[in-house]
N, C-alpha and C. Protein backbone atom coordinates (compact mmCIF):
# COMPACT_ATOMS: atom_id res chain seq x y z
N UNK A 1 -236.06 -36.78 80.63
CA UNK A 1 -237.32 -36.36 81.24
C UNK A 1 -237.07 -36.12 82.73
N UNK A 2 -237.51 -35.01 83.23
CA UNK A 2 -237.32 -34.72 84.65
C UNK A 2 -238.43 -35.37 85.47
N UNK A 3 -238.08 -35.70 86.70
CA UNK A 3 -239.07 -36.30 87.60
C UNK A 3 -240.02 -35.23 88.10
N UNK A 4 -241.19 -35.69 88.52
CA UNK A 4 -242.14 -34.75 89.13
C UNK A 4 -241.61 -34.38 90.51
N UNK A 5 -241.56 -33.12 90.83
CA UNK A 5 -240.97 -32.62 92.06
C UNK A 5 -242.02 -32.57 93.14
N UNK A 6 -242.10 -33.62 93.95
CA UNK A 6 -243.08 -33.65 95.03
C UNK A 6 -242.40 -33.82 96.39
N UNK A 7 -241.41 -34.68 96.48
CA UNK A 7 -240.75 -34.94 97.74
C UNK A 7 -239.34 -34.34 97.70
N UNK A 8 -239.11 -33.26 98.43
CA UNK A 8 -237.82 -32.59 98.35
C UNK A 8 -236.65 -33.42 98.85
N UNK A 9 -236.91 -34.49 99.61
CA UNK A 9 -235.81 -35.31 100.10
C UNK A 9 -235.36 -36.33 99.06
N UNK A 10 -236.15 -36.53 98.02
CA UNK A 10 -235.79 -37.44 96.94
C UNK A 10 -234.92 -36.69 95.94
N UNK A 11 -233.78 -37.30 95.55
CA UNK A 11 -232.96 -36.62 94.54
C UNK A 11 -233.76 -36.40 93.26
N UNK A 12 -233.66 -35.21 92.74
CA UNK A 12 -234.42 -34.85 91.55
C UNK A 12 -233.45 -34.38 90.48
N UNK A 13 -233.65 -34.87 89.29
CA UNK A 13 -232.85 -34.41 88.17
C UNK A 13 -233.28 -32.99 87.84
N UNK A 14 -232.33 -32.09 87.82
CA UNK A 14 -232.66 -30.71 87.48
C UNK A 14 -232.98 -30.63 86.00
N UNK A 15 -234.07 -29.96 85.67
CA UNK A 15 -234.46 -29.85 84.27
C UNK A 15 -233.59 -28.83 83.54
N UNK A 16 -233.62 -28.87 82.22
CA UNK A 16 -232.91 -27.84 81.48
C UNK A 16 -233.61 -26.49 81.67
N UNK A 17 -232.81 -25.44 81.80
CA UNK A 17 -233.36 -24.12 82.08
C UNK A 17 -233.43 -23.27 80.83
N UNK A 18 -234.44 -22.43 80.78
CA UNK A 18 -234.55 -21.37 79.79
C UNK A 18 -235.31 -20.22 80.44
N UNK A 19 -235.53 -19.16 79.71
CA UNK A 19 -236.20 -17.98 80.29
C UNK A 19 -237.60 -18.32 80.78
N UNK A 20 -238.31 -19.19 80.06
CA UNK A 20 -239.66 -19.55 80.47
C UNK A 20 -239.67 -20.30 81.79
N UNK A 21 -238.74 -21.24 81.94
CA UNK A 21 -238.73 -22.02 83.18
C UNK A 21 -238.33 -21.15 84.37
N UNK A 22 -237.45 -20.18 84.17
CA UNK A 22 -237.10 -19.28 85.26
C UNK A 22 -238.31 -18.46 85.71
N UNK A 23 -239.13 -18.03 84.75
CA UNK A 23 -240.36 -17.31 85.09
C UNK A 23 -241.37 -18.24 85.75
N UNK A 24 -241.49 -19.46 85.24
CA UNK A 24 -242.47 -20.41 85.76
C UNK A 24 -242.21 -20.77 87.22
N UNK A 25 -240.94 -20.84 87.60
CA UNK A 25 -240.62 -21.19 88.98
C UNK A 25 -240.47 -19.94 89.86
N UNK A 26 -240.74 -18.76 89.27
CA UNK A 26 -240.56 -17.50 90.00
C UNK A 26 -239.22 -17.54 90.72
N UNK A 27 -238.19 -17.84 89.92
CA UNK A 27 -236.87 -18.11 90.46
C UNK A 27 -236.46 -17.07 91.50
N UNK A 28 -236.01 -17.53 92.64
CA UNK A 28 -235.68 -18.88 93.08
C UNK A 28 -236.77 -19.58 93.90
N UNK A 29 -237.96 -18.98 94.02
CA UNK A 29 -238.96 -19.48 94.96
C UNK A 29 -239.37 -20.93 94.70
N UNK A 30 -239.58 -21.29 93.45
CA UNK A 30 -239.99 -22.65 93.13
C UNK A 30 -238.91 -23.68 93.37
N UNK A 31 -237.69 -23.23 93.56
CA UNK A 31 -236.57 -24.15 93.79
C UNK A 31 -236.29 -24.36 95.27
N UNK A 32 -237.01 -23.68 96.13
CA UNK A 32 -236.80 -23.86 97.57
C UNK A 32 -237.22 -25.27 97.96
N UNK A 33 -236.47 -25.90 98.86
CA UNK A 33 -236.73 -27.31 99.17
C UNK A 33 -238.02 -27.58 99.94
N UNK A 34 -238.52 -26.62 100.65
CA UNK A 34 -239.74 -26.80 101.44
C UNK A 34 -240.82 -25.84 100.97
N UNK A 35 -242.00 -26.35 100.71
CA UNK A 35 -243.20 -25.56 100.41
C UNK A 35 -243.02 -24.51 99.31
N UNK A 36 -242.56 -24.91 98.12
CA UNK A 36 -242.38 -23.90 97.07
C UNK A 36 -243.69 -23.20 96.69
N UNK A 37 -244.82 -23.91 96.75
CA UNK A 37 -246.10 -23.28 96.42
C UNK A 37 -246.47 -22.18 97.40
N UNK A 38 -246.13 -22.38 98.66
CA UNK A 38 -246.40 -21.37 99.68
C UNK A 38 -245.53 -20.14 99.44
N UNK A 39 -244.26 -20.36 99.13
CA UNK A 39 -243.37 -19.23 98.83
C UNK A 39 -243.83 -18.50 97.58
N UNK A 40 -244.26 -19.25 96.57
CA UNK A 40 -244.78 -18.61 95.36
C UNK A 40 -246.02 -17.79 95.65
N UNK A 41 -246.88 -18.30 96.52
CA UNK A 41 -248.09 -17.56 96.89
C UNK A 41 -247.75 -16.22 97.52
N UNK A 42 -246.71 -16.18 98.31
CA UNK A 42 -246.31 -14.92 98.95
C UNK A 42 -245.98 -13.85 97.91
N UNK A 43 -245.42 -14.27 96.78
CA UNK A 43 -245.09 -13.31 95.72
C UNK A 43 -246.35 -12.71 95.09
N UNK A 44 -247.47 -13.42 95.20
CA UNK A 44 -248.72 -12.90 94.67
C UNK A 44 -249.22 -11.66 95.39
N UNK A 45 -248.81 -11.48 96.64
CA UNK A 45 -249.27 -10.31 97.42
C UNK A 45 -248.70 -9.01 96.86
N UNK A 46 -247.37 -8.89 96.67
CA UNK A 46 -246.88 -7.64 96.07
C UNK A 46 -247.32 -7.48 94.61
N UNK A 47 -247.52 -8.59 93.89
CA UNK A 47 -248.05 -8.48 92.53
C UNK A 47 -249.43 -7.85 92.56
N UNK A 48 -250.28 -8.31 93.48
CA UNK A 48 -251.63 -7.75 93.62
C UNK A 48 -251.55 -6.27 93.97
N UNK A 49 -250.65 -5.91 94.86
CA UNK A 49 -250.50 -4.51 95.23
C UNK A 49 -250.13 -3.67 94.00
N UNK A 50 -249.21 -4.17 93.20
CA UNK A 50 -248.82 -3.47 91.98
C UNK A 50 -249.97 -3.33 90.99
N UNK A 51 -250.74 -4.40 90.84
CA UNK A 51 -251.90 -4.35 89.94
C UNK A 51 -252.91 -3.32 90.43
N UNK A 52 -253.20 -3.34 91.72
CA UNK A 52 -254.18 -2.40 92.27
C UNK A 52 -253.65 -0.97 92.15
N UNK A 53 -252.37 -0.77 92.41
CA UNK A 53 -251.79 0.57 92.30
C UNK A 53 -251.93 1.10 90.87
N UNK A 54 -251.57 0.27 89.89
CA UNK A 54 -251.72 0.69 88.49
C UNK A 54 -253.18 0.94 88.14
N UNK A 55 -254.05 0.09 88.64
CA UNK A 55 -255.48 0.22 88.34
C UNK A 55 -256.06 1.51 88.88
N UNK A 56 -255.58 1.94 90.03
CA UNK A 56 -256.11 3.16 90.64
C UNK A 56 -255.83 4.39 89.79
N UNK A 57 -254.85 4.32 88.94
CA UNK A 57 -254.55 5.43 88.04
C UNK A 57 -255.67 5.63 87.02
N UNK A 58 -256.50 4.59 86.86
CA UNK A 58 -257.58 4.66 85.89
C UNK A 58 -258.87 5.23 86.43
N UNK A 59 -258.88 5.65 87.68
CA UNK A 59 -260.09 6.26 88.27
C UNK A 59 -261.28 5.33 88.21
N UNK A 60 -262.35 5.78 87.54
CA UNK A 60 -263.59 5.00 87.51
C UNK A 60 -263.41 3.68 86.76
N UNK A 61 -262.35 3.56 86.00
CA UNK A 61 -262.09 2.33 85.24
C UNK A 61 -261.24 1.33 86.03
N UNK A 62 -260.96 1.61 87.29
CA UNK A 62 -260.00 0.79 88.04
C UNK A 62 -260.38 -0.68 88.12
N UNK A 63 -261.66 -1.00 88.30
CA UNK A 63 -262.06 -2.41 88.37
C UNK A 63 -261.79 -3.11 87.04
N UNK A 64 -262.14 -2.46 85.94
CA UNK A 64 -261.89 -3.06 84.63
C UNK A 64 -260.39 -3.20 84.35
N UNK A 65 -259.61 -2.24 84.80
CA UNK A 65 -258.16 -2.33 84.62
C UNK A 65 -257.61 -3.48 85.45
N UNK A 66 -258.08 -3.63 86.69
CA UNK A 66 -257.65 -4.75 87.54
C UNK A 66 -257.96 -6.07 86.87
N UNK A 67 -259.20 -6.23 86.41
CA UNK A 67 -259.59 -7.48 85.74
C UNK A 67 -258.77 -7.70 84.47
N UNK A 68 -258.53 -6.64 83.72
CA UNK A 68 -257.73 -6.75 82.51
C UNK A 68 -256.30 -7.17 82.79
N UNK A 69 -255.69 -6.58 83.81
CA UNK A 69 -254.32 -6.95 84.17
C UNK A 69 -254.25 -8.39 84.68
N UNK A 70 -255.23 -8.81 85.46
CA UNK A 70 -255.27 -10.20 85.91
C UNK A 70 -255.45 -11.14 84.72
N UNK A 71 -256.29 -10.76 83.77
CA UNK A 71 -256.47 -11.57 82.57
C UNK A 71 -255.15 -11.68 81.78
N UNK A 72 -254.46 -10.56 81.61
CA UNK A 72 -253.18 -10.59 80.89
C UNK A 72 -252.16 -11.46 81.61
N UNK A 73 -252.11 -11.38 82.94
CA UNK A 73 -251.17 -12.21 83.69
C UNK A 73 -251.57 -13.68 83.60
N UNK A 74 -252.87 -13.97 83.51
CA UNK A 74 -253.34 -15.34 83.34
C UNK A 74 -252.87 -15.89 81.99
N UNK A 75 -253.06 -15.13 80.93
CA UNK A 75 -252.63 -15.56 79.60
C UNK A 75 -251.11 -15.74 79.57
N UNK A 76 -250.39 -14.79 80.14
CA UNK A 76 -248.93 -14.88 80.21
C UNK A 76 -248.50 -16.13 80.99
N UNK A 77 -249.13 -16.39 82.13
CA UNK A 77 -248.79 -17.55 82.94
C UNK A 77 -249.08 -18.85 82.20
N UNK A 78 -250.20 -18.91 81.51
CA UNK A 78 -250.56 -20.10 80.74
C UNK A 78 -249.49 -20.37 79.67
N UNK A 79 -249.06 -19.33 79.01
CA UNK A 79 -248.04 -19.45 77.97
C UNK A 79 -246.71 -19.92 78.57
N UNK A 80 -246.30 -19.32 79.68
CA UNK A 80 -245.04 -19.68 80.33
C UNK A 80 -245.09 -21.13 80.83
N UNK A 81 -246.20 -21.52 81.44
CA UNK A 81 -246.33 -22.89 81.94
C UNK A 81 -246.29 -23.89 80.79
N UNK A 82 -247.02 -23.61 79.72
CA UNK A 82 -247.03 -24.52 78.57
C UNK A 82 -245.63 -24.69 77.99
N UNK A 83 -244.91 -23.60 77.85
CA UNK A 83 -243.55 -23.67 77.31
C UNK A 83 -242.62 -24.44 78.25
N UNK A 84 -242.77 -24.20 79.55
CA UNK A 84 -241.91 -24.88 80.53
C UNK A 84 -242.22 -26.37 80.58
N UNK A 85 -243.50 -26.73 80.62
CA UNK A 85 -243.85 -28.15 80.66
C UNK A 85 -243.38 -28.87 79.40
N UNK A 86 -243.47 -28.23 78.26
CA UNK A 86 -242.98 -28.85 77.03
C UNK A 86 -241.46 -28.99 77.07
N UNK A 87 -240.78 -27.98 77.57
CA UNK A 87 -239.32 -28.00 77.65
C UNK A 87 -238.83 -29.06 78.64
N UNK A 88 -239.53 -29.18 79.75
CA UNK A 88 -239.16 -30.15 80.78
C UNK A 88 -239.75 -31.54 80.53
N UNK A 89 -240.70 -31.64 79.62
CA UNK A 89 -241.42 -32.88 79.35
C UNK A 89 -242.06 -33.43 80.63
N UNK A 90 -242.81 -32.56 81.29
CA UNK A 90 -243.48 -32.93 82.53
C UNK A 90 -244.81 -32.20 82.61
N UNK A 91 -245.61 -32.54 83.61
CA UNK A 91 -246.88 -31.85 83.83
C UNK A 91 -247.03 -31.53 85.31
N UNK A 92 -247.43 -30.30 85.60
CA UNK A 92 -247.71 -29.82 86.96
C UNK A 92 -246.56 -30.10 87.92
N UNK A 93 -245.37 -29.82 87.46
CA UNK A 93 -244.17 -29.97 88.30
C UNK A 93 -244.30 -29.04 89.50
N UNK A 94 -244.02 -29.53 90.68
CA UNK A 94 -244.17 -28.76 91.91
C UNK A 94 -243.31 -27.51 91.97
N UNK A 95 -242.27 -27.46 91.14
CA UNK A 95 -241.41 -26.28 91.13
C UNK A 95 -242.06 -25.11 90.38
N UNK A 96 -243.02 -25.41 89.52
CA UNK A 96 -243.73 -24.35 88.80
C UNK A 96 -244.68 -23.67 89.78
N UNK A 97 -244.40 -22.42 90.10
CA UNK A 97 -245.21 -21.71 91.10
C UNK A 97 -245.87 -20.44 90.57
N UNK A 98 -245.70 -20.14 89.30
CA UNK A 98 -246.34 -18.94 88.75
C UNK A 98 -247.86 -19.04 88.88
N UNK A 99 -248.38 -20.27 88.90
CA UNK A 99 -249.82 -20.46 89.09
C UNK A 99 -250.25 -20.06 90.49
N UNK A 100 -249.43 -20.35 91.50
CA UNK A 100 -249.73 -19.90 92.86
C UNK A 100 -249.62 -18.38 92.98
N UNK A 101 -248.64 -17.80 92.30
CA UNK A 101 -248.51 -16.34 92.30
C UNK A 101 -249.80 -15.72 91.79
N UNK A 102 -250.32 -16.23 90.68
CA UNK A 102 -251.55 -15.70 90.10
C UNK A 102 -252.75 -15.93 91.01
N UNK A 103 -252.90 -17.15 91.54
CA UNK A 103 -254.04 -17.44 92.40
C UNK A 103 -254.09 -16.54 93.62
N UNK A 104 -252.93 -16.31 94.22
CA UNK A 104 -252.88 -15.41 95.38
C UNK A 104 -253.17 -13.98 94.98
N UNK A 105 -252.68 -13.56 93.83
CA UNK A 105 -252.96 -12.20 93.36
C UNK A 105 -254.45 -12.00 93.12
N UNK A 106 -255.12 -13.03 92.62
CA UNK A 106 -256.56 -12.92 92.34
C UNK A 106 -257.32 -12.58 93.62
N UNK A 107 -257.07 -13.32 94.68
CA UNK A 107 -257.81 -13.05 95.92
C UNK A 107 -257.34 -11.74 96.56
N UNK A 108 -256.08 -11.41 96.44
CA UNK A 108 -255.55 -10.23 97.13
C UNK A 108 -255.93 -8.92 96.47
N UNK A 109 -256.24 -8.93 95.19
CA UNK A 109 -256.54 -7.69 94.46
C UNK A 109 -257.83 -7.01 94.89
N UNK A 110 -258.71 -7.72 95.51
CA UNK A 110 -260.06 -7.19 95.73
C UNK A 110 -260.37 -6.85 97.18
N UNK A 111 -259.33 -6.76 98.00
CA UNK A 111 -259.53 -6.45 99.42
C UNK A 111 -258.51 -5.42 99.86
N UNK A 112 -258.80 -4.71 100.96
CA UNK A 112 -257.84 -3.73 101.46
C UNK A 112 -256.51 -4.40 101.82
N UNK A 113 -255.44 -3.65 101.70
CA UNK A 113 -254.13 -4.18 102.06
C UNK A 113 -253.83 -3.90 103.52
N UNK A 114 -254.70 -4.43 104.40
CA UNK A 114 -254.45 -4.37 105.84
C UNK A 114 -254.07 -5.78 106.30
N UNK A 115 -253.58 -5.86 107.52
CA UNK A 115 -253.05 -7.13 108.02
C UNK A 115 -254.10 -8.23 108.01
N UNK A 116 -255.32 -7.93 108.44
CA UNK A 116 -256.38 -8.94 108.47
C UNK A 116 -256.62 -9.53 107.08
N UNK A 117 -256.79 -8.67 106.10
CA UNK A 117 -257.13 -9.15 104.76
C UNK A 117 -255.95 -9.85 104.07
N UNK A 118 -254.75 -9.35 104.28
CA UNK A 118 -253.58 -9.99 103.67
C UNK A 118 -253.40 -11.40 104.23
N UNK A 119 -253.45 -11.53 105.55
CA UNK A 119 -253.26 -12.85 106.17
C UNK A 119 -254.42 -13.78 105.84
N UNK A 120 -255.64 -13.27 105.91
CA UNK A 120 -256.81 -14.11 105.61
C UNK A 120 -256.80 -14.57 104.16
N UNK A 121 -256.47 -13.67 103.24
CA UNK A 121 -256.41 -14.04 101.82
C UNK A 121 -255.36 -15.11 101.60
N UNK A 122 -254.21 -14.96 102.24
CA UNK A 122 -253.13 -15.94 102.09
C UNK A 122 -253.55 -17.30 102.62
N UNK A 123 -254.09 -17.33 103.84
CA UNK A 123 -254.49 -18.61 104.45
C UNK A 123 -255.60 -19.27 103.65
N UNK A 124 -256.61 -18.51 103.26
CA UNK A 124 -257.72 -19.09 102.50
C UNK A 124 -257.26 -19.64 101.15
N UNK A 125 -256.42 -18.87 100.45
CA UNK A 125 -255.93 -19.37 99.17
C UNK A 125 -255.14 -20.65 99.35
N UNK A 126 -254.25 -20.67 100.34
CA UNK A 126 -253.43 -21.88 100.54
C UNK A 126 -254.32 -23.08 100.89
N UNK A 127 -255.34 -22.88 101.72
CA UNK A 127 -256.24 -23.99 102.08
C UNK A 127 -256.96 -24.52 100.84
N UNK A 128 -257.52 -23.64 100.03
CA UNK A 128 -258.19 -24.09 98.81
C UNK A 128 -257.21 -24.74 97.84
N UNK A 129 -256.00 -24.21 97.74
CA UNK A 129 -255.02 -24.77 96.83
C UNK A 129 -254.52 -26.14 97.28
N UNK A 130 -254.37 -26.32 98.56
CA UNK A 130 -253.87 -27.59 99.09
C UNK A 130 -254.94 -28.67 99.07
N UNK A 131 -256.14 -28.36 99.56
CA UNK A 131 -257.19 -29.38 99.69
C UNK A 131 -258.01 -29.58 98.43
N UNK A 132 -258.03 -28.61 97.54
CA UNK A 132 -258.66 -28.71 96.22
C UNK A 132 -260.09 -29.27 96.25
N UNK A 133 -261.00 -28.61 96.95
CA UNK A 133 -262.39 -29.10 96.97
C UNK A 133 -263.09 -28.85 95.63
N UNK A 134 -264.05 -29.71 95.31
CA UNK A 134 -264.95 -29.53 94.17
C UNK A 134 -264.27 -29.22 92.86
N UNK A 135 -264.65 -28.12 92.22
CA UNK A 135 -264.13 -27.80 90.89
C UNK A 135 -262.62 -27.54 90.87
N UNK A 136 -262.04 -27.20 92.00
CA UNK A 136 -260.60 -26.99 92.05
C UNK A 136 -259.88 -28.31 91.78
N UNK A 137 -260.30 -29.35 92.49
CA UNK A 137 -259.72 -30.68 92.28
C UNK A 137 -260.02 -31.22 90.89
N UNK A 138 -261.24 -30.96 90.41
CA UNK A 138 -261.60 -31.42 89.07
C UNK A 138 -260.67 -30.79 88.03
N UNK A 139 -260.46 -29.48 88.12
CA UNK A 139 -259.58 -28.79 87.17
C UNK A 139 -258.16 -29.34 87.25
N UNK A 140 -257.69 -29.61 88.46
CA UNK A 140 -256.35 -30.13 88.66
C UNK A 140 -256.19 -31.51 88.03
N UNK A 141 -257.20 -32.35 88.17
CA UNK A 141 -257.11 -33.74 87.68
C UNK A 141 -257.49 -33.90 86.22
N UNK A 142 -258.44 -33.12 85.74
CA UNK A 142 -259.05 -33.40 84.43
C UNK A 142 -258.58 -32.51 83.29
N UNK A 143 -258.20 -31.30 83.57
CA UNK A 143 -257.81 -30.40 82.48
C UNK A 143 -256.40 -30.73 82.00
N UNK A 144 -256.20 -30.75 80.69
CA UNK A 144 -254.89 -31.16 80.16
C UNK A 144 -253.84 -30.05 80.23
N UNK A 145 -252.61 -30.46 80.31
CA UNK A 145 -251.47 -29.57 80.17
C UNK A 145 -251.48 -28.37 81.09
N UNK A 146 -251.06 -27.25 80.52
CA UNK A 146 -250.94 -26.01 81.29
C UNK A 146 -252.28 -25.54 81.84
N UNK A 147 -253.38 -25.90 81.15
CA UNK A 147 -254.71 -25.52 81.64
C UNK A 147 -254.95 -26.10 83.03
N UNK A 148 -254.64 -27.38 83.22
CA UNK A 148 -254.84 -28.02 84.52
C UNK A 148 -253.89 -27.48 85.58
N UNK A 149 -252.66 -27.19 85.16
CA UNK A 149 -251.68 -26.64 86.10
C UNK A 149 -252.13 -25.28 86.61
N UNK A 150 -252.69 -24.46 85.73
CA UNK A 150 -253.02 -23.08 86.08
C UNK A 150 -254.42 -22.89 86.65
N UNK A 151 -255.42 -23.49 86.03
CA UNK A 151 -256.80 -23.14 86.38
C UNK A 151 -257.24 -23.59 87.76
N UNK A 152 -256.63 -24.64 88.31
CA UNK A 152 -257.00 -25.00 89.68
C UNK A 152 -256.64 -23.87 90.64
N UNK A 153 -255.53 -23.18 90.38
CA UNK A 153 -255.14 -22.06 91.24
C UNK A 153 -255.98 -20.82 90.99
N UNK A 154 -256.40 -20.61 89.75
CA UNK A 154 -257.30 -19.50 89.45
C UNK A 154 -258.63 -19.71 90.19
N UNK A 155 -259.16 -20.92 90.12
CA UNK A 155 -260.42 -21.22 90.81
C UNK A 155 -260.24 -21.12 92.32
N UNK A 156 -259.11 -21.60 92.84
CA UNK A 156 -258.84 -21.49 94.28
C UNK A 156 -258.79 -20.02 94.71
N UNK A 157 -258.21 -19.16 93.88
CA UNK A 157 -258.18 -17.73 94.18
C UNK A 157 -259.57 -17.13 94.20
N UNK A 158 -260.42 -17.54 93.25
CA UNK A 158 -261.80 -17.04 93.20
C UNK A 158 -262.58 -17.52 94.42
N UNK A 159 -262.45 -18.80 94.76
CA UNK A 159 -263.14 -19.34 95.94
C UNK A 159 -262.68 -18.63 97.21
N UNK A 160 -261.37 -18.42 97.34
CA UNK A 160 -260.84 -17.74 98.52
C UNK A 160 -261.40 -16.32 98.61
N UNK A 161 -261.53 -15.65 97.47
CA UNK A 161 -262.09 -14.29 97.45
C UNK A 161 -263.55 -14.30 97.89
N UNK A 162 -264.32 -15.29 97.45
CA UNK A 162 -265.73 -15.37 97.84
C UNK A 162 -265.86 -15.60 99.34
N UNK A 163 -265.06 -16.52 99.88
CA UNK A 163 -265.12 -16.79 101.32
C UNK A 163 -264.65 -15.57 102.11
N UNK A 164 -263.60 -14.91 101.64
CA UNK A 164 -263.11 -13.73 102.36
C UNK A 164 -264.12 -12.59 102.30
N UNK A 165 -264.83 -12.47 101.21
CA UNK A 165 -265.89 -11.45 101.12
C UNK A 165 -266.95 -11.72 102.19
N UNK A 166 -267.38 -12.98 102.30
CA UNK A 166 -268.37 -13.34 103.33
C UNK A 166 -267.84 -13.10 104.73
N UNK A 167 -266.60 -13.49 104.96
CA UNK A 167 -265.98 -13.30 106.27
C UNK A 167 -265.85 -11.81 106.60
N UNK A 168 -265.47 -11.02 105.62
CA UNK A 168 -265.34 -9.57 105.83
C UNK A 168 -266.69 -8.94 106.16
N UNK A 169 -267.72 -9.37 105.44
CA UNK A 169 -269.08 -8.84 105.70
C UNK A 169 -269.54 -9.23 107.10
N UNK A 170 -269.26 -10.47 107.47
CA UNK A 170 -269.67 -10.98 108.78
C UNK A 170 -268.98 -10.21 109.91
N UNK A 171 -267.72 -9.87 109.69
CA UNK A 171 -266.93 -9.22 110.75
C UNK A 171 -266.79 -7.71 110.56
N UNK A 172 -267.50 -7.12 109.62
CA UNK A 172 -267.28 -5.71 109.27
C UNK A 172 -267.40 -4.75 110.45
N UNK A 173 -268.21 -5.03 111.40
CA UNK A 173 -268.35 -4.13 112.55
C UNK A 173 -267.36 -4.45 113.66
N UNK A 174 -266.57 -5.52 113.48
CA UNK A 174 -265.65 -5.96 114.53
C UNK A 174 -264.19 -5.74 114.16
N UNK A 175 -263.93 -5.26 112.96
CA UNK A 175 -262.54 -5.07 112.53
C UNK A 175 -262.08 -3.65 112.75
C-alpha cells in the first residue's frame, strides 16, 4: 500500500504504475515535489482552450458542445481516478492531479482567454481548491472514493467561475 503523498520531504513509496496512473498524475506534473496540484491546474488552461476551440466549430451549438466535452472529461477523469486509487490502494493521493486539471478547465472554458481572465481564473480556482469552503470541503470529506477526489475540484471550478463572472461584471468598464 502506498502512503498518502502530502509532505514531499517525507520518503514516499512509489506506487505501481500503469496507464491509468500516468493519466491520473498528468505525468510528470503530479510527481513534482512542490505543489503538484498547482502544476496540474496549469494544464487545465490549455485543455480549456482546446475544448473552446473545438466547441466553436459547432457554431450555435458551441455552449452545448463545451458542456458535453467537459462532461466527457469528467466521466473519463472519474474512471481514471477510480482505477488508479484501486491500483494504488489509496484515496485522494496528492499526486493525482487530473481532478485539478478538470477543475481549472471548468472555470477557464467560460471566459475570454486574455491575461486578466486566465490569471483570475487560476487564482480563484486554486483558492477554492485549497481552502475548500462549504460544499467543496463537504465533497472532499464525505464523498467516497473517486467521487470525493474529483467532485471537490468540480465544485471549486464552478464556484471560481461564479465569482469570476461577478468580478468581470463589476470591472467590465475598467478592463
